[in-house]
Protein backbone atom coordinates (compact mmCIF):
# COMPACT_ATOMS: atom_id res chain seq x y z
CA MET A 1 -31.02 133.76 -9.13
CA PRO A 2 -33.85 131.34 -8.22
CA GLY A 3 -34.31 130.25 -4.65
CA VAL A 4 -35.60 126.92 -3.37
CA LYS A 5 -37.13 126.73 0.09
CA ILE A 6 -37.81 123.32 1.62
CA ASN A 7 -40.22 123.20 4.55
CA LYS A 8 -38.60 120.56 6.72
CA THR A 9 -41.77 120.13 8.77
CA TYR A 10 -43.72 118.87 5.75
CA CYS A 11 -40.96 116.85 4.06
CA LYS A 12 -41.37 113.07 4.40
CA GLY A 13 -38.11 112.11 2.71
CA CYS A 14 -39.65 110.45 -0.35
CA GLU A 15 -36.70 111.59 -2.53
CA LEU A 16 -38.94 112.38 -5.52
CA CYS A 17 -37.50 115.90 -5.74
CA VAL A 18 -33.94 114.56 -5.64
CA ARG A 19 -34.63 112.21 -8.55
CA ALA A 20 -36.61 114.78 -10.55
CA CYS A 21 -34.15 117.69 -10.40
CA PRO A 22 -32.51 118.08 -13.83
CA MET A 23 -29.55 119.95 -12.32
CA GLN A 24 -29.11 117.41 -9.49
CA ILE A 25 -28.79 120.10 -6.83
CA LEU A 26 -30.96 118.39 -4.21
CA GLU A 27 -29.86 115.65 -1.85
CA MET A 28 -31.08 113.94 1.28
CA SER A 29 -29.62 115.36 4.47
CA LYS A 30 -28.74 113.51 7.63
CA GLU A 31 -31.10 115.81 9.53
CA ILE A 32 -34.26 114.22 10.91
CA ASN A 33 -37.42 116.31 11.27
CA LEU A 34 -39.94 116.10 14.11
CA LYS A 35 -41.87 113.34 12.32
CA GLY A 36 -38.75 111.15 12.10
CA TYR A 37 -37.99 111.55 8.38
CA LEU A 38 -34.72 112.43 6.70
CA VAL A 39 -35.36 115.64 4.80
CA ALA A 40 -34.23 116.98 1.44
CA GLN A 41 -31.73 119.82 1.25
CA LEU A 42 -30.00 121.96 -1.36
CA ALA A 43 -26.52 120.72 -2.20
CA GLU A 44 -25.63 123.41 -4.76
CA PRO A 45 -28.13 126.30 -4.68
CA THR A 46 -26.22 128.40 -7.21
CA LYS A 47 -26.91 125.85 -9.97
CA CYS A 48 -30.71 126.10 -9.62
CA ILE A 49 -32.41 127.12 -12.88
CA GLY A 50 -35.83 127.70 -11.31
CA CYS A 51 -37.66 125.07 -13.37
CA ARG A 52 -39.97 124.22 -10.43
CA ILE A 53 -39.97 120.48 -11.18
CA CYS A 54 -39.02 119.70 -7.58
CA ALA A 55 -42.03 121.64 -6.31
CA ILE A 56 -44.35 120.00 -8.84
CA VAL A 57 -43.38 116.42 -7.92
CA CYS A 58 -43.44 116.97 -4.16
CA PRO A 59 -46.54 115.16 -2.84
CA ASP A 60 -46.36 117.00 0.48
CA VAL A 61 -46.12 120.55 -0.94
CA ALA A 62 -42.92 121.02 1.04
CA ILE A 63 -40.99 122.92 -1.66
CA GLU A 64 -41.33 126.50 -2.86
CA VAL A 65 -39.33 127.92 -5.75
CA HIS A 66 -38.95 131.66 -6.04
CA THR A 67 -37.58 133.09 -9.25
CA HIS A 68 -36.27 136.61 -9.00
CA GLY A 69 -36.64 137.58 -12.63
CA THR A 70 -36.39 135.01 -15.41
CA GLY A 71 -36.92 131.32 -14.72
CA TYR A 72 -36.07 128.49 -17.09
CA ALA A 73 -39.00 126.32 -18.22
CA LEU A 74 -38.28 122.80 -19.41
CA PHE A 75 -41.91 122.51 -20.54
CA GLU A 76 -45.14 124.44 -20.20
CA TYR A 77 -46.93 123.82 -16.93
């Protein structure tokens, strides 16, 4: 099962990952980081397909996606 790790220190709450996720498993939390931004969080981690689109669109490189085995590719990167 793929795993998504969001570095809350780097996240600036732009919501690009939330909008880009094809499975709609990301959401904005009510947690504020040290820089004063609301950060993204996983709402339903079991539905992640490991497509890495969230990590690709993140301008702050705050998201890592680890696939443990096979990952689903919506397109070639």
